[in-house]
Amino acid sequence: MKPVFANTFNVTSNKGKAEVALSFAHIYTEHNFSMKQGTLTDVSAQVADEVASVLITKDGVVALARLLNKVCADWGIDIEE
C-alpha cells in the first residue's frame, strides 16, 4: 500500500536545464520472521516507498527559497549559523 506521508526527501538539480526535482519518500524497516529449528529469526530490511516527485522551474525554486527564508526568520532561526 502506498504511504500517505513522507519522512524523507531528496533534492536533485540540473544546472543545464535550470530545474530542480524534489522527491519525497517514506522509509521504514520491513520485518520478515521465519522459524528454523525452533528459533525465531527476524530478517529486516529498509524499504523506501516513493510518495511523490515534483519538478520545479527556476522561478519556483526562487519563490520556495524566499518562503523558507521567511519561515525561518519568523521562527527566529538564523540559517547562516
PDB file of N, CA and C in Angstrom:
ATOM      1  N   MET A   1       0.845  -1.180   0.000  1.00  0.00           N
ATOM      2  CA  MET A   1       0.000   0.000   0.000  1.00  0.00           C
ATOM      3  C   MET A   1       0.887   1.238   0.000  1.00  0.00           C
ATOM      4  N   LYS A   2       0.581   2.203  -0.834  1.00  0.00           N
ATOM      5  CA  LYS A   2       1.369   3.421  -0.931  1.00  0.00           C
ATOM      6  C   LYS A   2       1.134   4.283   0.313  1.00  0.00           C
ATOM      7  N   PRO A   3       2.222   4.776   0.924  1.00  0.00           N
ATOM      8  CA  PRO A   3       2.059   5.597   2.124  1.00  0.00           C
ATOM      9  C   PRO A   3       1.429   6.949   1.791  1.00  0.00           C
ATOM     10  N   VAL A   4       0.836   7.579   2.797  1.00  0.00           N
ATOM     11  CA  VAL A   4       0.195   8.865   2.596  1.00  0.00           C
ATOM     12  C   VAL A   4       1.042  10.017   3.133  1.00  0.00           C
ATOM     13  N   PHE A   5       2.214   9.730   3.685  1.00  0.00           N
ATOM     14  CA  PHE A   5       3.095  10.789   4.149  1.00  0.00           C
ATOM     15  C   PHE A   5       4.534  10.414   3.854  1.00  0.00           C
ATOM     16  N   ALA A   6       5.396  11.416   3.862  1.00  0.00           N
ATOM     17  CA  ALA A   6       6.819  11.199   3.607  1.00  0.00           C
ATOM     18  C   ALA A   6       7.601  11.540   4.863  1.00  0.00           C
ATOM     19  N   ASN A   7       8.661  10.783   5.126  1.00  0.00           N
ATOM     20  CA  ASN A   7       9.523  11.103   6.250  1.00  0.00           C
ATOM     21  C   ASN A   7      10.946  11.434   5.794  1.00  0.00           C
ATOM     22  N   THR A   8      11.139  11.543   4.492  1.00  0.00           N
ATOM     23  CA  THR A   8      12.433  11.957   3.950  1.00  0.00           C
ATOM     24  C   THR A   8      12.229  12.538   2.551  1.00  0.00           C
ATOM     25  N   PHE A   9      13.192  13.339   2.130  1.00  0.00           N
ATOM     26  CA  PHE A   9      13.110  13.884   0.783  1.00  0.00           C
ATOM     27  C   PHE A   9      14.504  14.026   0.198  1.00  0.00           C
ATOM     28  N   ASN A  10      14.559  14.157  -1.112  1.00  0.00           N
ATOM     29  CA  ASN A  10      15.812  14.310  -1.837  1.00  0.00           C
ATOM     30  C   ASN A  10      15.656  15.467  -2.821  1.00  0.00           C
ATOM     31  N   VAL A  11      16.724  16.279  -2.941  1.00  0.00           N
ATOM     32  CA  VAL A  11      16.725  17.404  -3.873  1.00  0.00           C
ATOM     33  C   VAL A  11      17.782  17.138  -4.931  1.00  0.00           C
ATOM     34  N   THR A  12      17.376  17.199  -6.190  1.00  0.00           N
ATOM     35  CA  THR A  12      18.288  16.989  -7.312  1.00  0.00           C
ATOM     36  C   THR A  12      18.180  18.180  -8.248  1.00  0.00           C
ATOM     37  N   SER A  13      19.331  18.740  -8.630  1.00  0.00           N
ATOM     38  CA  SER A  13      19.291  19.880  -9.543  1.00  0.00           C
ATOM     39  C   SER A  13      19.985  19.545 -10.849  1.00  0.00           C
ATOM     40  N   ASN A  14      19.493  20.162 -11.903  1.00  0.00           N
ATOM     41  CA  ASN A  14      20.063  20.004 -13.223  1.00  0.00           C
ATOM     42  C   ASN A  14      20.489  21.393 -13.692  1.00  0.00           C
ATOM     43  N   LYS A  15      21.781  21.704 -13.584  1.00  0.00           N
ATOM     44  CA  LYS A  15      22.266  23.048 -13.883  1.00  0.00           C
ATOM     45  C   LYS A  15      21.971  23.460 -15.320  1.00  0.00           C
ATOM     46  N   GLY A  16      22.053  22.553 -16.239  1.00  0.00           N
ATOM     47  CA  GLY A  16      21.848  22.878 -17.645  1.00  0.00           C
ATOM     48  C   GLY A  16      20.420  23.269 -17.981  1.00  0.00           C
ATOM     49  N   LYS A  17      19.442  22.719 -17.267  1.00  0.00           N
ATOM     50  CA  LYS A  17      18.040  22.969 -17.593  1.00  0.00           C
ATOM     51  C   LYS A  17      17.354  23.894 -16.600  1.00  0.00           C
ATOM     52  N   ALA A  18      18.076  24.336 -15.569  1.00  0.00           N
ATOM     53  CA  ALA A  18      17.528  25.244 -14.553  1.00  0.00           C
ATOM     54  C   ALA A  18      16.261  24.676 -13.920  1.00  0.00           C
ATOM     55  N   GLU A  19      16.279  23.419 -13.596  1.00  0.00           N
ATOM     56  CA  GLU A  19      15.153  22.757 -12.931  1.00  0.00           C
ATOM     57  C   GLU A  19      15.662  22.025 -11.693  1.00  0.00           C
ATOM     58  N   VAL A  20      14.777  21.872 -10.735  1.00  0.00           N
ATOM     59  CA  VAL A  20      15.078  21.134  -9.521  1.00  0.00           C
ATOM     60  C   VAL A  20      13.978  20.098  -9.321  1.00  0.00           C
ATOM     61  N   ALA A  21      14.369  18.889  -8.985  1.00  0.00           N
ATOM     62  CA  ALA A  21      13.396  17.833  -8.689  1.00  0.00           C
ATOM     63  C   ALA A  21      13.414  17.547  -7.195  1.00  0.00           C
ATOM     64  N   LEU A  22      12.244  17.552  -6.590  1.00  0.00           N
ATOM     65  CA  LEU A  22      12.081  17.170  -5.191  1.00  0.00           C
ATOM     66  C   LEU A  22      11.392  15.818  -5.172  1.00  0.00           C
ATOM     67  N   SER A  23      12.013  14.839  -4.550  1.00  0.00           N
ATOM     68  CA  SER A  23      11.425  13.503  -4.439  1.00  0.00           C
ATOM     69  C   SER A  23      11.150  13.223  -2.972  1.00  0.00           C
ATOM     70  N   PHE A  24       9.936  12.816  -2.677  1.00  0.00           N
ATOM     71  CA  PHE A  24       9.515  12.529  -1.308  1.00  0.00           C
ATOM     72  C   PHE A  24       9.288  11.026  -1.159  1.00  0.00           C
ATOM     73  N   ALA A  25       9.781  10.473  -0.055  1.00  0.00           N
ATOM     74  CA  ALA A  25       9.657   9.029   0.160  1.00  0.00           C
ATOM     75  C   ALA A  25       9.341   8.734   1.620  1.00  0.00           C
ATOM     76  N   HIS A  26       8.783   7.573   1.824  1.00  0.00           N
ATOM     77  CA  HIS A  26       8.547   7.050   3.176  1.00  0.00           C
ATOM     78  C   HIS A  26       9.489   5.873   3.356  1.00  0.00           C
ATOM     79  N   ILE A  27      10.430   6.016   4.287  1.00  0.00           N
ATOM     80  CA  ILE A  27      11.409   4.952   4.547  1.00  0.00           C
ATOM     81  C   ILE A  27      11.054   4.281   5.872  1.00  0.00           C
ATOM     82  N   TYR A  28      11.031   2.972   5.839  1.00  0.00           N
ATOM     83  CA  TYR A  28      10.718   2.211   7.044  1.00  0.00           C
ATOM     84  C   TYR A  28      11.453   0.878   7.001  1.00  0.00           C
ATOM     85  N   THR A  29      11.425   0.183   8.099  1.00  0.00           N
ATOM     86  CA  THR A  29      12.060  -1.128   8.190  1.00  0.00           C
ATOM     87  C   THR A  29      10.983  -2.202   8.107  1.00  0.00           C
ATOM     88  N   GLU A  30      11.157  -3.098   7.159  1.00  0.00           N
ATOM     89  CA  GLU A  30      10.224  -4.214   6.989  1.00  0.00           C
ATOM     90  C   GLU A  30      10.802  -5.441   7.681  1.00  0.00           C
ATOM     91  N   HIS A  31       9.963  -6.141   8.427  1.00  0.00           N
ATOM     92  CA  HIS A  31      10.415  -7.325   9.168  1.00  0.00           C
ATOM     93  C   HIS A  31       9.802  -8.584   8.570  1.00  0.00           C
ATOM     94  N   ASN A  32      10.630  -9.577   8.381  1.00  0.00           N
ATOM     95  CA  ASN A  32      10.174 -10.896   7.937  1.00  0.00           C
ATOM     96  C   ASN A  32      10.659 -11.917   8.955  1.00  0.00           C
ATOM     97  N   PHE A  33       9.717 -12.562   9.583  1.00  0.00           N
ATOM     98  CA  PHE A  33      10.051 -13.551  10.599  1.00  0.00           C
ATOM     99  C   PHE A  33       9.996 -14.951  10.013  1.00  0.00           C
ATOM    100  N   SER A  34      10.946 -15.764  10.422  1.00  0.00           N
ATOM    101  CA  SER A  34      10.936 -17.158   9.982  1.00  0.00           C
ATOM    102  C   SER A  34      11.312 -18.041  11.163  1.00  0.00           C
ATOM    103  N   MET A  35      10.788 -19.258  11.129  1.00  0.00           N
ATOM    104  CA  MET A  35      11.058 -20.223  12.181  1.00  0.00           C
ATOM    105  C   MET A  35      11.928 -21.318  11.598  1.00  0.00           C
ATOM    106  N   LYS A  36      13.097 -21.527  12.192  1.00  0.00           N
ATOM    107  CA  LYS A  36      14.008 -22.546  11.709  1.00  0.00           C
ATOM    108  C   LYS A  36      14.633 -23.246  12.903  1.00  0.00           C
ATOM    109  N   GLN A  37      14.436 -24.524  12.969  1.00  0.00           N
ATOM    110  CA  GLN A  37      14.977 -25.378  14.034  1.00  0.00           C
ATOM    111  C   GLN A  37      14.626 -24.842  15.419  1.00  0.00           C
ATOM    112  N   GLY A  38      13.374 -24.402  15.564  1.00  0.00           N
ATOM    113  CA  GLY A  38      12.896 -23.931  16.861  1.00  0.00           C
ATOM    114  C   GLY A  38      13.336 -22.525  17.221  1.00  0.00           C
ATOM    115  N   THR A  39      13.963 -21.832  16.301  1.00  0.00           N
ATOM    116  CA  THR A  39      14.436 -20.478  16.570  1.00  0.00           C
ATOM    117  C   THR A  39      13.706 -19.490  15.661  1.00  0.00           C
ATOM    118  N   LEU A  40      13.210 -18.436  16.271  1.00  0.00           N
ATOM    119  CA  LEU A  40      12.540 -17.388  15.512  1.00  0.00           C
ATOM    120  C   LEU A  40      13.592 -16.380  15.061  1.00  0.00           C
ATOM    121  N   THR A  41      13.665 -16.143  13.768  1.00  0.00           N
ATOM    122  CA  THR A  41      14.654 -15.238  13.200  1.00  0.00           C
ATOM    123  C   THR A  41      13.940 -14.069  12.532  1.00  0.00           C
ATOM    124  N   ASP A  42      14.455 -12.857  12.797  1.00  0.00           N
ATOM    125  CA  ASP A  42      13.915 -11.654  12.172  1.00  0.00           C
ATOM    126  C   ASP A  42      14.915 -11.176  11.126  1.00  0.00           C
ATOM    127  N   VAL A  43      14.491 -11.216   9.874  1.00  0.00           N
ATOM    128  CA  VAL A  43      15.308 -10.690   8.786  1.00  0.00           C
ATOM    129  C   VAL A  43      14.678  -9.364   8.387  1.00  0.00           C
ATOM    130  N   SER A  44      15.355  -8.263   8.722  1.00  0.00           N
ATOM    131  CA  SER A  44      14.779  -6.946   8.440  1.00  0.00           C
ATOM    132  C   SER A  44      15.565  -6.249   7.342  1.00  0.00           C
ATOM    133  N   ALA A  45      14.865  -5.367   6.651  1.00  0.00           N
ATOM    134  CA  ALA A  45      15.483  -4.607   5.573  1.00  0.00           C
ATOM    135  C   ALA A  45      14.791  -3.254   5.463  1.00  0.00           C
ATOM    136  N   GLN A  46      15.558  -2.225   5.104  1.00  0.00           N
ATOM    137  CA  GLN A  46      14.956  -0.918   4.887  1.00  0.00           C
ATOM    138  C   GLN A  46      14.249  -0.888   3.540  1.00  0.00           C
ATOM    139  N   VAL A  47      13.077  -0.258   3.539  1.00  0.00           N
ATOM    140  CA  VAL A  47      12.271  -0.131   2.332  1.00  0.00           C
ATOM    141  C   VAL A  47      11.982   1.354   2.117  1.00  0.00           C
ATOM    142  N   ALA A  48      12.076   1.803   0.880  1.00  0.00           N
ATOM    143  CA  ALA A  48      11.742   3.188   0.537  1.00  0.00           C
ATOM    144  C   ALA A  48      10.619   3.179  -0.484  1.00  0.00           C
ATOM    145  N   ASP A  49       9.466   3.673  -0.081  1.00  0.00           N
ATOM    146  CA  ASP A  49       8.316   3.797  -0.989  1.00  0.00           C
ATOM    147  C   ASP A  49       8.200   5.253  -1.419  1.00  0.00           C
ATOM    148  N   GLU A  50       8.226   5.502  -2.736  1.00  0.00           N
ATOM    149  CA  GLU A  50       8.097   6.874  -3.218  1.00  0.00           C
ATOM    150  C   GLU A  50       6.681   7.376  -2.987  1.00  0.00           C
ATOM    151  N   VAL A  51       6.579   8.587  -2.440  1.00  0.00           N
ATOM    152  CA  VAL A  51       5.283   9.208  -2.195  1.00  0.00           C
ATOM    153  C   VAL A  51       4.944  10.177  -3.322  1.00  0.00           C
ATOM    154  N   ALA A  52       5.933  11.018  -3.700  1.00  0.00           N
ATOM    155  CA  ALA A  52       5.692  11.995  -4.762  1.00  0.00           C
ATOM    156  C   ALA A  52       7.012  12.494  -5.310  1.00  0.00           C
ATOM    157  N   SER A  53       6.942  13.052  -6.507  1.00  0.00           N
ATOM    158  CA  SER A  53       8.099  13.686  -7.121  1.00  0.00           C
ATOM    159  C   SER A  53       7.603  14.962  -7.794  1.00  0.00           C
ATOM    160  N   VAL A  54       8.304  16.074  -7.539  1.00  0.00           N
ATOM    161  CA  VAL A  54       7.873  17.369  -8.041  1.00  0.00           C
ATOM    162  C   VAL A  54       9.022  18.001  -8.813  1.00  0.00           C
ATOM    163  N   LEU A  55       8.732  18.502 -10.013  1.00  0.00           N
ATOM    164  CA  LEU A  55       9.725  19.212 -10.819  1.00  0.00           C
ATOM    165  C   LEU A  55       9.420  20.705 -10.711  1.00  0.00           C
ATOM    166  N   ILE A  56      10.441  21.489 -10.277  1.00  0.00           N
ATOM    167  CA  ILE A  56      10.256  22.922 -10.052  1.00  0.00           C
ATOM    168  C   ILE A  56      11.166  23.698 -11.010  1.00  0.00           C
ATOM    169  N   THR A  57      10.612  24.737 -11.627  1.00  0.00           N
ATOM    170  CA  THR A  57      11.402  25.587 -12.507  1.00  0.00           C
ATOM    171  C   THR A  57      12.243  26.556 -11.675  1.00  0.00           C
ATOM    172  N   LYS A  58      13.090  27.299 -12.347  1.00  0.00           N
ATOM    173  CA  LYS A  58      13.961  28.272 -11.673  1.00  0.00           C
ATOM    174  C   LYS A  58      13.139  29.282 -10.866  1.00  0.00           C
ATOM    175  N   ASP A  59      12.069  29.786 -11.439  1.00  0.00           N
ATOM    176  CA  ASP A  59      11.211  30.747 -10.728  1.00  0.00           C
ATOM    177  C   ASP A  59      10.570  30.120  -9.491  1.00  0.00           C
ATOM    178  N   GLY A  60      10.171  28.873  -9.605  1.00  0.00           N
ATOM    179  CA  GLY A  60       9.595  28.167  -8.464  1.00  0.00           C
ATOM    180  C   GLY A  60      10.602  27.952  -7.348  1.00  0.00           C
ATOM    181  N   VAL A  61      11.847  27.656  -7.716  1.00  0.00           N
ATOM    182  CA  VAL A  61      12.899  27.461  -6.721  1.00  0.00           C
ATOM    183  C   VAL A  61      13.145  28.760  -5.964  1.00  0.00           C
ATOM    184  N   VAL A  62      13.189  29.883  -6.689  1.00  0.00           N
ATOM    185  CA  VAL A  62      13.405  31.185  -6.048  1.00  0.00           C
ATOM    186  C   VAL A  62      12.254  31.489  -5.088  1.00  0.00           C
ATOM    187  N   ALA A  63      11.024  31.257  -5.507  1.00  0.00           N
ATOM    188  CA  ALA A  63       9.854  31.501  -4.654  1.00  0.00           C
ATOM    189  C   ALA A  63       9.893  30.613  -3.418  1.00  0.00           C
ATOM    190  N   LEU A  64      10.250  29.347  -3.596  1.00  0.00           N
ATOM    191  CA  LEU A  64      10.324  28.419  -2.467  1.00  0.00           C
ATOM    192  C   LEU A  64      11.424  28.840  -1.494  1.00  0.00           C
ATOM    193  N   ALA A  65      12.577  29.258  -2.013  1.00  0.00           N
ATOM    194  CA  ALA A  65      13.688  29.705  -1.159  1.00  0.00           C
ATOM    195  C   ALA A  65      13.278  30.930  -0.337  1.00  0.00           C
ATOM    196  N   ARG A  66      12.596  31.880  -0.981  1.00  0.00           N
ATOM    197  CA  ARG A  66      12.128  33.065  -0.254  1.00  0.00           C
ATOM    198  C   ARG A  66      11.138  32.700   0.836  1.00  0.00           C
ATOM    199  N   LEU A  67      10.220  31.799   0.521  1.00  0.00           N
ATOM    200  CA  LEU A  67       9.239  31.365   1.512  1.00  0.00           C
ATOM    201  C   LEU A  67       9.919  30.686   2.699  1.00  0.00           C
ATOM    202  N   LEU A  68      10.853  29.778   2.426  1.00  0.00           N
ATOM    203  CA  LEU A  68      11.543  29.083   3.512  1.00  0.00           C
ATOM    204  C   LEU A  68      12.391  30.038   4.344  1.00  0.00           C
ATOM    205  N   ASN A  69      13.028  31.025   3.706  1.00  0.00           N
ATOM    206  CA  ASN A  69      13.787  32.036   4.454  1.00  0.00           C
ATOM    207  C   ASN A  69      12.877  32.839   5.365  1.00  0.00           C
ATOM    208  N   LYS A  70      11.674  33.192   4.876  1.00  0.00           N
ATOM    209  CA  LYS A  70      10.724  33.932   5.700  1.00  0.00           C
ATOM    210  C   LYS A  70      10.252  33.094   6.882  1.00  0.00           C
ATOM    211  N   VAL A  71       9.959  31.832   6.645  1.00  0.00           N
ATOM    212  CA  VAL A  71       9.523  30.953   7.736  1.00  0.00           C
ATOM    213  C   VAL A  71      10.616  30.846   8.799  1.00  0.00           C
ATOM    214  N   CYS A  72      11.865  30.657   8.379  1.00  0.00           N
ATOM    215  CA  CYS A  72      12.974  30.570   9.333  1.00  0.00           C
ATOM    216  C   CYS A  72      13.121  31.867  10.117  1.00  0.00           C
ATOM    217  N   ALA A  73      12.992  33.008   9.440  1.00  0.00           N
ATOM    218  CA  ALA A  73      13.083  34.301  10.132  1.00  0.00           C
ATOM    219  C   ALA A  73      11.951  34.461  11.141  1.00  0.00           C
ATOM    220  N   ASP A  74      10.735  34.045  10.762  1.00  0.00           N
ATOM    221  CA  ASP A  74       9.588  34.112  11.688  1.00  0.00           C
ATOM    222  C   ASP A  74       9.810  33.241  12.923  1.00  0.00           C
ATOM    223  N   TRP A  75      10.517  32.139  12.756  1.00  0.00           N
ATOM    224  CA  TRP A  75      10.820  31.234  13.879  1.00  0.00           C
ATOM    225  C   TRP A  75      12.024  31.698  14.681  1.00  0.00           C
ATOM    226  N   GLY A  76      12.706  32.740  14.199  1.00  0.00           N
ATOM    227  CA  GLY A  76      13.885  33.230  14.902  1.00  0.00           C
ATOM    228  C   GLY A  76      15.131  32.400  14.644  1.00  0.00           C
ATOM    229  N   ILE A  77      15.175  31.725  13.514  1.00  0.00           N
ATOM    230  CA  ILE A  77      16.302  30.879  13.165  1.00  0.00           C
ATOM    231  C   ILE A  77      17.197  31.612  12.181  1.00  0.00           C
ATOM    232  N   ASP A  78      18.495  31.692  12.499  1.00  0.00           N
ATOM    233  CA  ASP A  78      19.468  32.288  11.588  1.00  0.00           C
ATOM    234  C   ASP A  78      20.076  31.163  10.762  1.00  0.00           C
ATOM    235  N   ILE A  79      19.752  31.102   9.474  1.00  0.00           N
ATOM    236  CA  ILE A  79      20.228  29.990   8.644  1.00  0.00           C
ATOM    237  C   ILE A  79      21.687  30.134   8.274  1.00  0.00           C
ATOM    238  N   GLU A  80      22.311  31.272   8.596  1.00  0.00           N
ATOM    239  CA  GLU A  80      23.722  31.476   8.299  1.00  0.00           C
ATOM    240  C   GLU A  80      24.635  30.850   9.350  1.00  0.00           C
ATOM    241  N   GLU A  81      24.073  30.373  10.467  1.00  0.00           N
ATOM    242  CA  GLU A  81      24.891  29.752  11.519  1.00  0.00           C
ATOM    243  C   GLU A  81      25.430  28.426  11.101  1.00  0.00           C
TER     244      GLU A  81
END
